[in-house]
N, C-alpha and C. Protein backbone atom coordinates (compact mmCIF):
# COMPACT_ATOMS: atom_id res chain seq x y z
N MET A 1 103.04 92.28 87.73
CA MET A 1 103.77 92.53 88.95
C MET A 1 104.30 93.96 88.98
N ALA A 2 104.70 94.46 87.83
CA ALA A 2 105.22 95.83 87.77
C ALA A 2 104.15 96.83 88.18
N ILE A 3 102.93 96.61 87.78
CA ILE A 3 101.84 97.52 88.16
C ILE A 3 101.65 97.52 89.68
N ILE A 4 101.74 96.36 90.28
CA ILE A 4 101.61 96.27 91.74
C ILE A 4 102.75 97.01 92.41
N LEU A 5 103.97 96.79 91.94
CA LEU A 5 105.13 97.45 92.53
C LEU A 5 105.05 98.96 92.37
N GLU A 6 104.66 99.42 91.19
CA GLU A 6 104.53 100.86 90.96
C GLU A 6 103.44 101.45 91.84
N SER A 7 102.32 100.77 91.95
CA SER A 7 101.20 101.26 92.75
C SER A 7 101.53 101.28 94.24
N ALA A 8 102.30 100.31 94.69
CA ALA A 8 102.61 100.21 96.12
C ALA A 8 103.79 101.08 96.53
N ASN A 9 104.41 101.76 95.58
CA ASN A 9 105.52 102.65 95.90
C ASN A 9 104.99 103.81 96.74
N GLY A 10 105.40 103.86 97.99
CA GLY A 10 104.90 104.88 98.91
C GLY A 10 103.79 104.37 99.80
N GLY A 11 103.25 103.20 99.50
CA GLY A 11 102.21 102.59 100.32
C GLY A 11 100.83 102.68 99.68
N ILE A 12 100.05 101.63 99.82
CA ILE A 12 98.70 101.58 99.25
C ILE A 12 97.89 100.53 99.99
N THR A 13 96.60 100.78 100.13
CA THR A 13 95.73 99.79 100.76
C THR A 13 95.41 98.69 99.76
N LYS A 14 94.96 97.57 100.29
CA LYS A 14 94.63 96.42 99.44
C LYS A 14 93.49 96.77 98.48
N THR A 15 92.49 97.50 98.96
CA THR A 15 91.36 97.86 98.11
C THR A 15 91.79 98.72 96.94
N LYS A 16 92.62 99.72 97.20
CA LYS A 16 93.10 100.58 96.11
C LYS A 16 94.00 99.80 95.16
N LEU A 17 94.78 98.89 95.71
CA LEU A 17 95.66 98.08 94.88
C LEU A 17 94.86 97.17 93.96
N LEU A 18 93.79 96.59 94.47
CA LEU A 18 92.90 95.77 93.63
C LEU A 18 92.38 96.56 92.45
N THR A 19 91.98 97.80 92.71
CA THR A 19 91.42 98.65 91.66
C THR A 19 92.49 99.05 90.64
N ARG A 20 93.62 99.51 91.12
CA ARG A 20 94.68 99.97 90.20
C ARG A 20 95.24 98.85 89.35
N ALA A 21 95.40 97.68 89.93
CA ALA A 21 95.98 96.55 89.20
C ALA A 21 94.93 95.80 88.38
N ASN A 22 93.65 96.10 88.63
CA ASN A 22 92.55 95.47 87.92
C ASN A 22 92.62 93.93 88.03
N LEU A 23 92.77 93.47 89.25
CA LEU A 23 92.88 92.04 89.52
C LEU A 23 91.77 91.59 90.47
N THR A 24 91.49 90.30 90.46
CA THR A 24 90.57 89.76 91.46
C THR A 24 91.33 89.60 92.77
N ASN A 25 90.60 89.39 93.84
CA ASN A 25 91.23 89.21 95.15
C ASN A 25 92.19 88.02 95.13
N GLY A 26 91.78 86.93 94.52
CA GLY A 26 92.62 85.73 94.44
C GLY A 26 93.90 85.97 93.64
N GLN A 27 93.77 86.65 92.51
CA GLN A 27 94.94 86.96 91.70
C GLN A 27 95.92 87.84 92.45
N LEU A 28 95.38 88.89 93.10
CA LEU A 28 96.24 89.80 93.85
C LEU A 28 96.97 89.06 94.97
N ARG A 29 96.26 88.19 95.67
CA ARG A 29 96.86 87.44 96.76
C ARG A 29 98.05 86.61 96.25
N GLN A 30 97.88 85.96 95.10
CA GLN A 30 98.96 85.14 94.54
C GLN A 30 100.18 86.00 94.20
N TYR A 31 99.95 87.13 93.55
CA TYR A 31 101.06 88.03 93.20
C TYR A 31 101.73 88.57 94.46
N LEU A 32 100.93 88.99 95.43
CA LEU A 32 101.50 89.54 96.66
C LEU A 32 102.31 88.50 97.41
N ASP A 33 101.84 87.26 97.42
CA ASP A 33 102.60 86.19 98.09
C ASP A 33 104.01 86.08 97.50
N VAL A 34 104.10 86.12 96.18
CA VAL A 34 105.40 86.04 95.52
C VAL A 34 106.24 87.28 95.83
N LEU A 35 105.63 88.46 95.69
CA LEU A 35 106.36 89.71 95.91
C LEU A 35 106.85 89.84 97.35
N ILE A 36 106.04 89.40 98.30
CA ILE A 36 106.44 89.45 99.71
C ILE A 36 107.55 88.43 99.99
N THR A 37 107.41 87.23 99.45
CA THR A 37 108.43 86.19 99.63
C THR A 37 109.78 86.64 99.06
N LYS A 38 109.74 87.31 97.92
CA LYS A 38 110.98 87.78 97.28
C LYS A 38 111.46 89.11 97.86
N LYS A 39 110.74 89.62 98.86
CA LYS A 39 111.08 90.87 99.55
C LYS A 39 111.06 92.09 98.63
N LEU A 40 110.15 92.06 97.65
CA LEU A 40 109.96 93.21 96.77
C LEU A 40 108.87 94.13 97.31
N VAL A 41 108.00 93.57 98.17
CA VAL A 41 106.91 94.31 98.80
C VAL A 41 106.86 93.91 100.27
N VAL A 42 106.51 94.86 101.11
CA VAL A 42 106.33 94.58 102.53
C VAL A 42 104.86 94.84 102.89
N GLN A 43 104.33 93.97 103.72
CA GLN A 43 102.94 94.11 104.18
C GLN A 43 102.93 94.90 105.49
N LEU A 44 102.07 95.89 105.56
CA LEU A 44 101.91 96.70 106.76
C LEU A 44 100.53 96.44 107.34
N ALA A 45 100.42 96.43 108.66
CA ALA A 45 99.13 96.17 109.30
C ALA A 45 99.01 97.02 110.56
N ASP A 46 97.75 97.33 110.91
CA ASP A 46 97.53 98.03 112.17
C ASP A 46 97.64 97.01 113.30
N GLU A 47 97.46 97.45 114.52
CA GLU A 47 97.66 96.57 115.68
C GLU A 47 96.73 95.36 115.68
N GLU A 48 95.51 95.53 115.23
CA GLU A 48 94.56 94.41 115.21
C GLU A 48 94.65 93.60 113.91
N LYS A 49 95.53 94.02 113.01
CA LYS A 49 95.69 93.39 111.70
C LYS A 49 94.39 93.38 110.90
N ARG A 50 93.58 94.41 111.10
CA ARG A 50 92.32 94.52 110.36
C ARG A 50 92.51 95.30 109.07
N HIS A 51 93.42 96.23 109.05
CA HIS A 51 93.67 97.06 107.88
C HIS A 51 95.07 96.78 107.35
N LEU A 52 95.12 96.26 106.14
CA LEU A 52 96.39 95.91 105.53
C LEU A 52 96.77 96.93 104.47
N ALA A 53 98.04 97.19 104.38
CA ALA A 53 98.57 98.05 103.32
C ALA A 53 99.88 97.41 102.84
N TYR A 54 100.32 97.85 101.70
CA TYR A 54 101.53 97.29 101.10
C TYR A 54 102.42 98.42 100.61
N ARG A 55 103.73 98.20 100.70
CA ARG A 55 104.69 99.20 100.26
C ARG A 55 105.83 98.50 99.52
N THR A 56 106.24 99.09 98.42
CA THR A 56 107.36 98.57 97.65
C THR A 56 108.65 98.82 98.43
N THR A 57 109.50 97.81 98.51
CA THR A 57 110.78 97.92 99.21
C THR A 57 111.83 98.52 98.27
N GLU A 58 113.00 98.80 98.82
CA GLU A 58 114.11 99.29 97.99
C GLU A 58 114.46 98.26 96.92
N LYS A 59 114.43 97.00 97.29
CA LYS A 59 114.70 95.93 96.32
C LYS A 59 113.65 95.95 95.21
N GLY A 60 112.40 96.20 95.56
CA GLY A 60 111.33 96.29 94.58
C GLY A 60 111.51 97.48 93.64
N ILE A 61 112.00 98.58 94.18
CA ILE A 61 112.25 99.76 93.35
C ILE A 61 113.39 99.49 92.37
N ARG A 62 114.42 98.79 92.83
CA ARG A 62 115.51 98.40 91.93
C ARG A 62 114.99 97.48 90.83
N TYR A 63 114.12 96.53 91.20
CA TYR A 63 113.51 95.64 90.22
C TYR A 63 112.76 96.44 89.16
N LEU A 64 111.99 97.43 89.60
CA LEU A 64 111.23 98.27 88.66
C LEU A 64 112.15 99.02 87.71
N SER A 65 113.26 99.50 88.22
CA SER A 65 114.22 100.21 87.38
C SER A 65 114.78 99.31 86.29
N ILE A 66 115.16 98.10 86.67
CA ILE A 66 115.68 97.14 85.69
C ILE A 66 114.60 96.74 84.70
N TYR A 67 113.39 96.50 85.21
CA TYR A 67 112.26 96.14 84.35
C TYR A 67 112.00 97.24 83.32
N SER A 68 112.03 98.49 83.76
CA SER A 68 111.78 99.62 82.88
C SER A 68 112.85 99.70 81.78
N THR A 69 114.10 99.47 82.16
CA THR A 69 115.19 99.49 81.18
C THR A 69 115.01 98.39 80.14
N LEU A 70 114.71 97.18 80.60
CA LEU A 70 114.51 96.07 79.67
C LEU A 70 113.30 96.29 78.77
N LYS A 71 112.25 96.87 79.33
CA LYS A 71 111.05 97.15 78.55
C LYS A 71 111.35 98.17 77.46
N SER A 72 112.12 99.19 77.78
CA SER A 72 112.46 100.21 76.78
C SER A 72 113.35 99.65 75.69
N ILE A 73 114.24 98.74 76.03
CA ILE A 73 115.08 98.09 75.03
C ILE A 73 114.22 97.24 74.09
N ALA A 74 113.30 96.49 74.65
CA ALA A 74 112.42 95.62 73.84
C ALA A 74 111.57 96.45 72.89
N VAL A 75 111.05 97.55 73.35
CA VAL A 75 110.21 98.42 72.51
C VAL A 75 111.06 99.06 71.43
N PHE A 76 112.27 99.46 71.77
CA PHE A 76 113.18 100.13 70.82
C PHE A 76 113.54 99.20 69.67
N GLN A 77 113.69 97.91 69.93
CA GLN A 77 114.14 96.97 68.92
C GLN A 77 113.02 96.48 68.01
N GLN A 78 111.79 96.81 68.28
CA GLN A 78 110.69 96.35 67.43
C GLN A 78 110.63 97.20 66.26
């Protein structure tokens, strides 16, 4: 999820997100459903809803900050 949030910071298309996160379409959809429901990511669409993009929200950026802190603590203690 952190990779998706980091990649979507500033906005990213679904195709680029699939590549960066190295996930299948089904896996990405499941993660995005959770992230959108929790308001960590927002889905953007053109008028015809043919082109989708995703952007990390402020809440998602705060989540990433906390995740990064916890990750550094875990690595430090090993």
